[in-house]
Amino acid sequence: MKKHNAEKFALYLLLALFVIVFLFPIYWAVTTSFKTPGQIMKVPPEFFPSNWNLQNYVEVFTKHQIGTYFINSLVVAVTTTLCAIIVATFAGYGFSRFKFRGRAFWQYAIIVMRMVPGLVFIIPYYIIFQKLGILDTLFGLIIVYITAALPLAIWLFMGFFDELPTEMFEAAKIDGCSEFGTYWRIALPLIVPGIVVAAILVFLAAYNEFSLSLVLIFTDQNKTLPLGISGMIQLQKDTPFGTLAAAGTIAFIPALVLALTTQKYVQAGITAGAVKG
């Protein structure tokens, strides 16, 4: 009994340390966003602000166009997610349901493409987009992000569809359901948790991406949040830590909303065939 209690205590202690390590930086950024410069640099530091100040949020919206960056990031991430998930569900369903020549080759080609760093394609992207006139546009950035997201999304959906029983598809065919009807009315509703998991992964990847956008976007009106926030760092003089913390807190909002609203789907989706057997 004592051994069991000791193991339970050790487990809770490890979980508490784990939570502290991951949550404390978020807590520190949020509280810092409400501090004045004097409070931020105070020694010893204030772990809980004595006076809550909104000046950092005022500055981040009036001086740094954070609203524009935030909207750009949402437009790019949401559009990328919708397009990638639609294409990936069709492709994943096709790979799972149909047997065709070269199927295995293309399946592994997809995952190999996922392993190739995106920066390898940055020069071709730059030259092609410049020729097409879509360099430094959100449209061009969305194309890049969709291309980068599709390999992982397709691979995930192949696993989700493979987990569905073949008897279900045979019964639908006997009942006269078309292939598209089977896909739309039967298969998709059964993998909703998987769709949510894939959508979250694609959204966060597009929302947080920095290196590709750094090369393809260079005007303020088209910058996304990672680019906009990086531009606030000043190397030649004092960096506005409070303003940066406010920008980081604003950038964290979509991830927080996703975590609070999709938890049950994520739990089910992670165990619903996300790894192919």
C-alpha atoms as a PDB file:
ATOM      1  CA  MET A   1       0.000   0.000   0.000  1.00  0.00           C
ATOM      2  CA  LYS A   2       2.801   2.372   0.926  1.00  0.00           C
ATOM      3  CA  LYS A   3       4.616   1.524  -2.306  1.00  0.00           C
ATOM      4  CA  HIS A   4       1.464   2.275  -4.293  1.00  0.00           C
ATOM      5  CA  ASN A   5       1.042   5.652  -2.566  1.00  0.00           C
ATOM      6  CA  ALA A   6       4.697   6.511  -3.176  1.00  0.00           C
ATOM      7  CA  GLU A   7       4.360   5.705  -6.895  1.00  0.00           C
ATOM      8  CA  LYS A   8       1.179   7.767  -7.076  1.00  0.00           C
ATOM      9  CA  PHE A   9       2.880  10.716  -5.344  1.00  0.00           C
ATOM     10  CA  ALA A  10       5.876  10.488  -7.715  1.00  0.00           C
ATOM     11  CA  LEU A  11       3.552  10.434 -10.713  1.00  0.00           C
ATOM     12  CA  TYR A  12       1.633  13.523  -9.523  1.00  0.00           C
ATOM     13  CA  LEU A  13       4.914  15.279  -8.775  1.00  0.00           C
ATOM     14  CA  LEU A  14       6.203  14.615 -12.298  1.00  0.00           C
ATOM     15  CA  LEU A  15       2.918  15.802 -13.792  1.00  0.00           C
ATOM     16  CA  ALA A  16       3.073  18.983 -11.687  1.00  0.00           C
ATOM     17  CA  LEU A  17       6.646  19.671 -12.829  1.00  0.00           C
ATOM     18  CA  PHE A  18       5.619  19.007 -16.422  1.00  0.00           C
ATOM     19  CA  VAL A  19       2.730  21.476 -16.188  1.00  0.00           C
ATOM     20  CA  ILE A  20       4.923  24.122 -14.534  1.00  0.00           C
ATOM     21  CA  VAL A  21       7.637  23.823 -17.191  1.00  0.00           C
ATOM     22  CA  PHE A  22       5.145  24.277 -20.020  1.00  0.00           C
ATOM     23  CA  LEU A  23       2.685  26.722 -18.477  1.00  0.00           C
ATOM     24  CA  PHE A  24       5.036  29.069 -16.634  1.00  0.00           C
ATOM     25  CA  PRO A  25       6.463  30.692 -19.816  1.00  0.00           C
ATOM     26  CA  ILE A  26       2.905  31.374 -20.981  1.00  0.00           C
ATOM     27  CA  TYR A  27       1.965  32.818 -17.593  1.00  0.00           C
ATOM     28  CA  TRP A  28       5.099  34.967 -17.568  1.00  0.00           C
ATOM     29  CA  ALA A  29       4.414  36.332 -21.080  1.00  0.00           C
ATOM     30  CA  VAL A  30       0.799  37.181 -20.232  1.00  0.00           C
ATOM     31  CA  THR A  31       1.652  38.946 -16.958  1.00  0.00           C
ATOM     32  CA  THR A  32       4.587  40.762 -18.579  1.00  0.00           C
ATOM     33  CA  SER A  33       2.210  42.175 -21.195  1.00  0.00           C
ATOM     34  CA  PHE A  34       0.436  44.081 -18.404  1.00  0.00           C
ATOM     35  CA  LYS A  35       3.605  45.479 -16.797  1.00  0.00           C
ATOM     36  CA  THR A  36       5.328  48.825 -17.234  1.00  0.00           C
ATOM     37  CA  PRO A  37       9.010  48.855 -18.333  1.00  0.00           C
ATOM     38  CA  GLY A  38      10.019  49.549 -14.722  1.00  0.00           C
ATOM     39  CA  GLN A  39       8.081  46.534 -13.466  1.00  0.00           C
ATOM     40  CA  ILE A  40       9.533  44.295 -16.180  1.00  0.00           C
ATOM     41  CA  MET A  41      13.136  45.120 -15.272  1.00  0.00           C
ATOM     42  CA  LYS A  42      12.542  45.074 -11.529  1.00  0.00           C
ATOM     43  CA  VAL A  43      14.854  42.938  -9.355  1.00  0.00           C
ATOM     44  CA  PRO A  44      13.652  40.714  -7.816  1.00  0.00           C
ATOM     45  CA  PRO A  45      10.990  40.198 -10.493  1.00  0.00           C
ATOM     46  CA  GLU A  46       7.288  40.618  -9.846  1.00  0.00           C
ATOM     47  CA  PHE A  47       5.582  37.281 -10.401  1.00  0.00           C
ATOM     48  CA  PHE A  48       2.196  38.972 -10.091  1.00  0.00           C
ATOM     49  CA  PRO A  49       1.852  42.595 -11.299  1.00  0.00           C
ATOM     50  CA  SER A  50       1.007  45.056  -8.557  1.00  0.00           C
ATOM     51  CA  ASN A  51      -0.563  47.402 -11.140  1.00  0.00           C
ATOM     52  CA  TRP A  52      -2.152  46.124 -14.348  1.00  0.00           C
ATOM     53  CA  ASN A  53      -1.318  48.341 -17.332  1.00  0.00           C
ATOM     54  CA  LEU A  54      -2.889  48.222 -20.821  1.00  0.00           C
ATOM     55  CA  GLN A  55      -0.330  50.538 -22.442  1.00  0.00           C
ATOM     56  CA  ASN A  56       1.507  47.650 -24.128  1.00  0.00           C
ATOM     57  CA  TYR A  57      -1.683  46.565 -25.895  1.00  0.00           C
ATOM     58  CA  VAL A  58      -2.412  50.129 -26.973  1.00  0.00           C
ATOM     59  CA  GLU A  59       1.081  50.422 -28.480  1.00  0.00           C
ATOM     60  CA  VAL A  60       0.995  47.061 -30.214  1.00  0.00           C
ATOM     61  CA  PHE A  61      -2.185  48.061 -32.073  1.00  0.00           C
ATOM     62  CA  THR A  62      -1.331  51.719 -32.767  1.00  0.00           C
ATOM     63  CA  LYS A  63       2.397  51.484 -33.567  1.00  0.00           C
ATOM     64  CA  HIS A  64       2.970  47.985 -34.896  1.00  0.00           C
ATOM     65  CA  GLN A  65      -0.140  47.078 -36.965  1.00  0.00           C
ATOM     66  CA  ILE A  66      -0.680  43.890 -34.971  1.00  0.00           C
ATOM     67  CA  GLY A  67      -4.318  43.843 -36.089  1.00  0.00           C
ATOM     68  CA  THR A  68      -3.268  43.613 -39.749  1.00  0.00           C
ATOM     69  CA  TYR A  69      -0.738  40.875 -38.998  1.00  0.00           C
ATOM     70  CA  PHE A  70      -3.300  38.934 -36.971  1.00  0.00           C
ATOM     71  CA  ILE A  71      -5.936  39.080 -39.729  1.00  0.00           C
ATOM     72  CA  ASN A  72      -3.370  38.089 -42.369  1.00  0.00           C
ATOM     73  CA  SER A  73      -2.315  35.076 -40.304  1.00  0.00           C
ATOM     74  CA  LEU A  74      -5.916  33.979 -39.774  1.00  0.00           C
ATOM     75  CA  VAL A  75      -6.772  34.376 -43.476  1.00  0.00           C
ATOM     76  CA  VAL A  76      -3.707  32.396 -44.542  1.00  0.00           C
ATOM     77  CA  ALA A  77      -4.098  29.672 -41.892  1.00  0.00           C
ATOM     78  CA  VAL A  78      -7.864  29.186 -42.314  1.00  0.00           C
ATOM     79  CA  THR A  79      -7.709  29.144 -46.137  1.00  0.00           C
ATOM     80  CA  THR A  80      -4.747  26.760 -46.082  1.00  0.00           C
ATOM     81  CA  THR A  81      -6.552  24.450 -43.661  1.00  0.00           C
ATOM     82  CA  LEU A  82      -9.796  24.338 -45.650  1.00  0.00           C
ATOM     83  CA  CYS A  83      -8.102  23.710 -48.995  1.00  0.00           C
ATOM     84  CA  ALA A  84      -5.593  21.179 -47.649  1.00  0.00           C
ATOM     85  CA  ILE A  85      -8.216  19.182 -45.732  1.00  0.00           C
ATOM     86  CA  ILE A  86     -10.599  19.029 -48.707  1.00  0.00           C
ATOM     87  CA  VAL A  87      -7.870  17.803 -51.082  1.00  0.00           C
ATOM     88  CA  ALA A  88      -6.335  15.470 -48.482  1.00  0.00           C
ATOM     89  CA  THR A  89      -9.643  13.738 -47.653  1.00  0.00           C
ATOM     90  CA  PHE A  90     -10.232  12.982 -51.342  1.00  0.00           C
ATOM     91  CA  ALA A  91      -6.650  11.775 -51.825  1.00  0.00           C
ATOM     92  CA  GLY A  92      -6.605   9.756 -48.613  1.00  0.00           C
ATOM     93  CA  TYR A  93      -9.911   8.111 -49.501  1.00  0.00           C
ATOM     94  CA  GLY A  94      -8.652   7.272 -52.984  1.00  0.00           C
ATOM     95  CA  PHE A  95      -5.419   5.717 -51.713  1.00  0.00           C
ATOM     96  CA  SER A  96      -7.309   3.733 -49.088  1.00  0.00           C
ATOM     97  CA  ARG A  97     -10.184   2.482 -51.223  1.00  0.00           C
ATOM     98  CA  PHE A  98      -8.737   1.926 -54.698  1.00  0.00           C
ATOM     99  CA  LYS A  99      -5.997  -0.404 -55.907  1.00  0.00           C
ATOM    100  CA  PHE A 100      -3.994   0.917 -58.839  1.00  0.00           C
ATOM    101  CA  ARG A 101      -0.567   0.518 -60.397  1.00  0.00           C
ATOM    102  CA  GLY A 102       2.134   2.395 -58.500  1.00  0.00           C
ATOM    103  CA  ARG A 103      -0.059   2.876 -55.432  1.00  0.00           C
ATOM    104  CA  ALA A 104       2.633   1.841 -52.946  1.00  0.00           C
ATOM    105  CA  PHE A 105       5.219   4.032 -54.680  1.00  0.00           C
ATOM    106  CA  TRP A 106       3.041   7.128 -54.479  1.00  0.00           C
ATOM    107  CA  GLN A 107       2.145   6.419 -50.865  1.00  0.00           C
ATOM    108  CA  TYR A 108       5.780   6.415 -49.822  1.00  0.00           C
ATOM    109  CA  ALA A 109       6.576   9.302 -52.159  1.00  0.00           C
ATOM    110  CA  ILE A 110       4.062  11.376 -50.210  1.00  0.00           C
ATOM    111  CA  ILE A 111       5.729  10.752 -46.863  1.00  0.00           C
ATOM    112  CA  VAL A 112       9.202  11.292 -48.367  1.00  0.00           C
ATOM    113  CA  MET A 113       8.049  14.698 -49.623  1.00  0.00           C
ATOM    114  CA  ARG A 114       6.972  15.493 -46.068  1.00  0.00           C
ATOM    115  CA  MET A 115      10.523  14.830 -44.885  1.00  0.00           C
ATOM    116  CA  VAL A 116      12.086  17.302 -47.337  1.00  0.00           C
ATOM    117  CA  PRO A 117      12.656  20.719 -45.652  1.00  0.00           C
ATOM    118  CA  GLY A 118      10.504  23.455 -47.138  1.00  0.00           C
ATOM    119  CA  LEU A 119      13.501  25.760 -47.551  1.00  0.00           C
ATOM    120  CA  VAL A 120      14.819  23.454 -50.299  1.00  0.00           C
ATOM    121  CA  PHE A 121      12.047  24.805 -52.548  1.00  0.00           C
ATOM    122  CA  ILE A 122      12.348  28.444 -51.556  1.00  0.00           C
ATOM    123  CA  ILE A 123      14.388  29.580 -54.583  1.00  0.00           C
ATOM    124  CA  PRO A 124      12.078  27.866 -57.129  1.00  0.00           C
ATOM    125  CA  TYR A 125       9.074  29.320 -55.285  1.00  0.00           C
ATOM    126  CA  TYR A 126      10.612  32.793 -55.389  1.00  0.00           C
ATOM    127  CA  ILE A 127      11.411  32.649 -59.123  1.00  0.00           C
ATOM    128  CA  ILE A 128       8.049  31.137 -60.137  1.00  0.00           C
ATOM    129  CA  PHE A 129       6.017  33.541 -57.989  1.00  0.00           C
ATOM    130  CA  GLN A 130       7.984  36.498 -59.328  1.00  0.00           C
ATOM    131  CA  LYS A 131       7.218  35.415 -62.911  1.00  0.00           C
ATOM    132  CA  LEU A 132       3.514  34.905 -62.066  1.00  0.00           C
ATOM    133  CA  GLY A 133       3.241  38.207 -60.207  1.00  0.00           C
ATOM    134  CA  ILE A 134       2.158  36.625 -56.914  1.00  0.00           C
ATOM    135  CA  LEU A 135       5.359  37.273 -54.973  1.00  0.00           C
ATOM    136  CA  ASP A 136       4.672  39.174 -51.737  1.00  0.00           C
ATOM    137  CA  THR A 137       0.997  38.191 -51.728  1.00  0.00           C
ATOM    138  CA  LEU A 138      -1.100  36.187 -49.297  1.00  0.00           C
ATOM    139  CA  PHE A 139      -2.326  34.097 -52.228  1.00  0.00           C
ATOM    140  CA  GLY A 140       1.208  32.942 -53.007  1.00  0.00           C
ATOM    141  CA  LEU A 141       1.858  32.179 -49.345  1.00  0.00           C
ATOM    142  CA  ILE A 142      -1.315  30.086 -49.161  1.00  0.00           C
ATOM    143  CA  ILE A 143      -0.198  28.026 -52.174  1.00  0.00           C
ATOM    144  CA  VAL A 144       3.139  27.300 -50.488  1.00  0.00           C
ATOM    145  CA  TYR A 145       1.496  26.322 -47.196  1.00  0.00           C
ATOM    146  CA  ILE A 146      -1.044  24.039 -48.901  1.00  0.00           C
ATOM    147  CA  THR A 147       1.787  22.296 -50.746  1.00  0.00           C
ATOM    148  CA  ALA A 148       3.682  21.838 -47.488  1.00  0.00           C
ATOM    149  CA  ALA A 149       0.618  20.590 -45.565  1.00  0.00           C
ATOM    150  CA  LEU A 150      -0.718  18.062 -48.065  1.00  0.00           C
ATOM    151  CA  PRO A 151       1.799  15.198 -47.597  1.00  0.00           C
ATOM    152  CA  LEU A 152       1.192  14.860 -43.852  1.00  0.00           C
ATOM    153  CA  ALA A 153      -2.568  15.409 -44.178  1.00  0.00           C
ATOM    154  CA  ILE A 154      -2.924  12.800 -46.939  1.00  0.00           C
ATOM    155  CA  TRP A 155      -0.890  10.268 -44.952  1.00  0.00           C
ATOM    156  CA  LEU A 156      -3.052  10.828 -41.886  1.00  0.00           C
ATOM    157  CA  PHE A 157      -6.289  10.389 -43.828  1.00  0.00           C
ATOM    158  CA  MET A 158      -5.033   7.187 -45.440  1.00  0.00           C
ATOM    159  CA  GLY A 159      -4.672   5.833 -41.915  1.00  0.00           C
ATOM    160  CA  PHE A 160      -8.100   7.081 -40.817  1.00  0.00           C
ATOM    161  CA  PHE A 161      -9.889   5.574 -43.840  1.00  0.00           C
ATOM    162  CA  ASP A 162      -7.932   2.302 -43.562  1.00  0.00           C
ATOM    163  CA  GLU A 163      -9.360   1.837 -40.061  1.00  0.00           C
ATOM    164  CA  LEU A 164     -12.938   1.790 -41.370  1.00  0.00           C
ATOM    165  CA  PRO A 165     -14.310  -1.755 -41.897  1.00  0.00           C
ATOM    166  CA  THR A 166     -14.504  -2.881 -45.533  1.00  0.00           C
ATOM    167  CA  GLU A 167     -17.890  -4.486 -44.813  1.00  0.00           C
ATOM    168  CA  MET A 168     -19.343  -1.012 -44.385  1.00  0.00           C
ATOM    169  CA  PHE A 169     -18.281   0.003 -47.899  1.00  0.00           C
ATOM    170  CA  GLU A 170     -19.567  -3.254 -49.367  1.00  0.00           C
ATOM    171  CA  ALA A 171     -22.957  -2.749 -47.685  1.00  0.00           C
ATOM    172  CA  ALA A 172     -23.157   0.788 -49.054  1.00  0.00           C
ATOM    173  CA  LYS A 173     -22.390  -0.487 -52.559  1.00  0.00           C
ATOM    174  CA  ILE A 174     -25.094  -3.186 -52.286  1.00  0.00           C
ATOM    175  CA  ASP A 175     -27.589  -0.509 -51.211  1.00  0.00           C
ATOM    176  CA  GLY A 176     -26.852   1.382 -54.422  1.00  0.00           C
ATOM    177  CA  CYS A 177     -24.763   4.159 -52.914  1.00  0.00           C
ATOM    178  CA  SER A 178     -22.310   5.772 -55.345  1.00  0.00           C
ATOM    179  CA  GLU A 179     -18.615   6.031 -54.497  1.00  0.00           C
ATOM    180  CA  PHE A 180     -18.938   9.746 -53.803  1.00  0.00           C
ATOM    181  CA  GLY A 181     -22.066   9.100 -51.730  1.00  0.00           C
ATOM    182  CA  THR A 182     -20.138   6.532 -49.672  1.00  0.00           C
ATOM    183  CA  TYR A 183     -17.323   9.005 -49.173  1.00  0.00           C
ATOM    184  CA  TRP A 184     -19.616  11.906 -48.255  1.00  0.00           C
ATOM    185  CA  ARG A 185     -22.405  10.245 -46.266  1.00  0.00           C
ATOM    186  CA  ILE A 186     -20.610   7.354 -44.592  1.00  0.00           C
ATOM    187  CA  ALA A 187     -16.820   7.669 -44.498  1.00  0.00           C
ATOM    188  CA  LEU A 188     -16.415  11.374 -43.664  1.00  0.00           C
ATOM    189  CA  PRO A 189     -18.848  11.432 -40.701  1.00  0.00           C
ATOM    190  CA  LEU A 190     -17.012   8.482 -39.146  1.00  0.00           C
ATOM    191  CA  ILE A 191     -13.609  10.201 -39.196  1.00  0.00           C
ATOM    192  CA  VAL A 192     -14.680  13.619 -37.868  1.00  0.00           C
ATOM    193  CA  PRO A 193     -12.224  13.377 -34.919  1.00  0.00           C
ATOM    194  CA  GLY A 194      -9.436  12.636 -37.390  1.00  0.00           C
ATOM    195  CA  ILE A 195     -10.451  15.584 -39.545  1.00  0.00           C
ATOM    196  CA  VAL A 196     -10.269  17.844 -36.501  1.00  0.00           C
ATOM    197  CA  VAL A 197      -6.801  16.568 -35.559  1.00  0.00           C
ATOM    198  CA  ALA A 198      -5.475  17.030 -39.095  1.00  0.00           C
ATOM    199  CA  ALA A 199      -7.072  20.476 -39.362  1.00  0.00           C
ATOM    200  CA  ILE A 200      -5.460  21.602 -36.103  1.00  0.00           C
ATOM    201  CA  LEU A 201      -2.024  20.408 -37.242  1.00  0.00           C
ATOM    202  CA  VAL A 202      -2.357  22.162 -40.606  1.00  0.00           C
ATOM    203  CA  PHE A 203      -3.749  25.352 -39.055  1.00  0.00           C
ATOM    204  CA  LEU A 204      -1.021  25.676 -36.429  1.00  0.00           C
ATOM    205  CA  ALA A 205       1.733  24.907 -38.940  1.00  0.00           C
ATOM    206  CA  ALA A 206       0.486  27.639 -41.289  1.00  0.00           C
ATOM    207  CA  TYR A 207      -0.258  30.058 -38.452  1.00  0.00           C
ATOM    208  CA  ASN A 208       3.216  29.743 -36.896  1.00  0.00           C
ATOM    209  CA  GLU A 209       5.357  29.367 -40.053  1.00  0.00           C
ATOM    210  CA  PHE A 210       8.179  31.890 -40.306  1.00  0.00           C
ATOM    211  CA  SER A 211      11.097  30.937 -42.584  1.00  0.00           C
ATOM    212  CA  LEU A 212       9.195  30.660 -45.894  1.00  0.00           C
ATOM    213  CA  SER A 213       7.173  33.803 -45.296  1.00  0.00           C
ATOM    214  CA  LEU A 214      10.369  35.670 -44.410  1.00  0.00           C
ATOM    215  CA  VAL A 215      11.583  35.199 -47.996  1.00  0.00           C
ATOM    216  CA  LEU A 216       8.265  35.457 -49.857  1.00  0.00           C
ATOM    217  CA  ILE A 217       6.683  38.393 -47.957  1.00  0.00           C
ATOM    218  CA  PHE A 218       8.375  41.747 -47.438  1.00  0.00           C
ATOM    219  CA  THR A 219       5.740  44.504 -47.198  1.00  0.00           C
ATOM    220  CA  ASP A 220       4.049  45.379 -43.909  1.00  0.00           C
ATOM    221  CA  GLN A 221       0.510  45.076 -45.263  1.00  0.00           C
ATOM    222  CA  ASN A 222       1.068  41.399 -46.155  1.00  0.00           C
ATOM    223  CA  LYS A 223       3.113  40.290 -43.144  1.00  0.00           C
ATOM    224  CA  THR A 224       1.828  37.530 -40.895  1.00  0.00           C
ATOM    225  CA  LEU A 225       2.130  37.501 -37.102  1.00  0.00           C
ATOM    226  CA  PRO A 226       5.512  35.727 -36.865  1.00  0.00           C
ATOM    227  CA  LEU A 227       7.019  38.222 -39.309  1.00  0.00           C
ATOM    228  CA  GLY A 228       5.383  41.202 -37.651  1.00  0.00           C
ATOM    229  CA  ILE A 229       6.462  40.189 -34.153  1.00  0.00           C
ATOM    230  CA  SER A 230      10.047  39.508 -35.277  1.00  0.00           C
ATOM    231  CA  GLY A 231      10.168  43.003 -36.744  1.00  0.00           C
ATOM    232  CA  MET A 232       9.436  44.454 -33.310  1.00  0.00           C
ATOM    233  CA  ILE A 233      12.743  43.169 -31.928  1.00  0.00           C
ATOM    234  CA  GLN A 234      15.217  46.039 -31.896  1.00  0.00           C
ATOM    235  CA  LEU A 235      18.909  45.124 -31.749  1.00  0.00           C
ATOM    236  CA  GLN A 236      20.309  48.653 -31.675  1.00  0.00           C
ATOM    237  CA  LYS A 237      18.345  49.858 -28.667  1.00  0.00           C
ATOM    238  CA  ASP A 238      16.181  48.591 -25.848  1.00  0.00           C
ATOM    239  CA  THR A 239      13.787  45.879 -26.974  1.00  0.00           C
ATOM    240  CA  PRO A 240      10.159  46.610 -25.948  1.00  0.00           C
ATOM    241  CA  PHE A 241       9.620  43.472 -23.885  1.00  0.00           C
ATOM    242  CA  GLY A 242       6.154  44.523 -22.740  1.00  0.00           C
ATOM    243  CA  THR A 243       4.965  45.169 -26.289  1.00  0.00           C
ATOM    244  CA  LEU A 244       6.440  41.880 -27.464  1.00  0.00           C
ATOM    245  CA  ALA A 245       4.687  40.058 -24.623  1.00  0.00           C
ATOM    246  CA  ALA A 246       1.384  41.714 -25.579  1.00  0.00           C
ATOM    247  CA  ALA A 247       1.852  40.670 -29.219  1.00  0.00           C
ATOM    248  CA  GLY A 248       2.701  37.130 -28.135  1.00  0.00           C
ATOM    249  CA  THR A 249      -0.384  36.965 -25.930  1.00  0.00           C
ATOM    250  CA  ILE A 250      -2.592  38.063 -28.824  1.00  0.00           C
ATOM    251  CA  ALA A 251      -0.933  35.503 -31.109  1.00  0.00           C
ATOM    252  CA  PHE A 252      -1.649  32.772 -28.542  1.00  0.00           C
ATOM    253  CA  ILE A 253      -5.432  33.335 -28.612  1.00  0.00           C
ATOM    254  CA  PRO A 254      -6.286  31.036 -31.596  1.00  0.00           C
ATOM    255  CA  ALA A 255      -4.287  28.158 -30.100  1.00  0.00           C
ATOM    256  CA  LEU A 256      -6.094  28.621 -26.784  1.00  0.00           C
ATOM    257  CA  VAL A 257      -9.493  28.661 -28.482  1.00  0.00           C
ATOM    258  CA  LEU A 258      -8.644  25.474 -30.391  1.00  0.00           C
ATOM    259  CA  ALA A 259      -7.459  23.753 -27.216  1.00  0.00           C
ATOM    260  CA  LEU A 260     -10.671  24.615 -25.359  1.00  0.00           C
ATOM    261  CA  THR A 261     -13.138  23.799 -28.136  1.00  0.00           C
ATOM    262  CA  THR A 262     -11.692  20.682 -29.766  1.00  0.00           C
ATOM    263  CA  GLN A 263     -10.338  18.690 -26.841  1.00  0.00           C
ATOM    264  CA  LYS A 264     -12.827  15.812 -27.100  1.00  0.00           C
ATOM    265  CA  TYR A 265     -12.257  15.478 -30.851  1.00  0.00           C
ATOM    266  CA  VAL A 266      -8.488  15.503 -30.434  1.00  0.00           C
ATOM    267  CA  GLN A 267      -8.662  12.775 -27.790  1.00  0.00           C
ATOM    268  CA  ALA A 268     -10.739  10.562 -30.066  1.00  0.00           C
ATOM    269  CA  GLY A 269      -8.785  11.426 -33.215  1.00  0.00           C
ATOM    270  CA  ILE A 270      -5.375  10.555 -31.818  1.00  0.00           C
ATOM    271  CA  THR A 271      -6.540   6.957 -31.242  1.00  0.00           C
ATOM    272  CA  ALA A 272      -8.686   6.687 -34.392  1.00  0.00           C
ATOM    273  CA  GLY A 273      -6.083   5.516 -36.864  1.00  0.00           C
ATOM    274  CA  ALA A 274      -3.717   8.460 -37.036  1.00  0.00           C
ATOM    275  CA  VAL A 275      -0.908   5.889 -37.285  1.00  0.00           C
ATOM    276  CA  LYS A 276      -1.316   3.327 -40.014  1.00  0.00           C
ATOM    277  CA  GLY A 277      -1.332  -0.274 -38.974  1.00  0.00           C
END
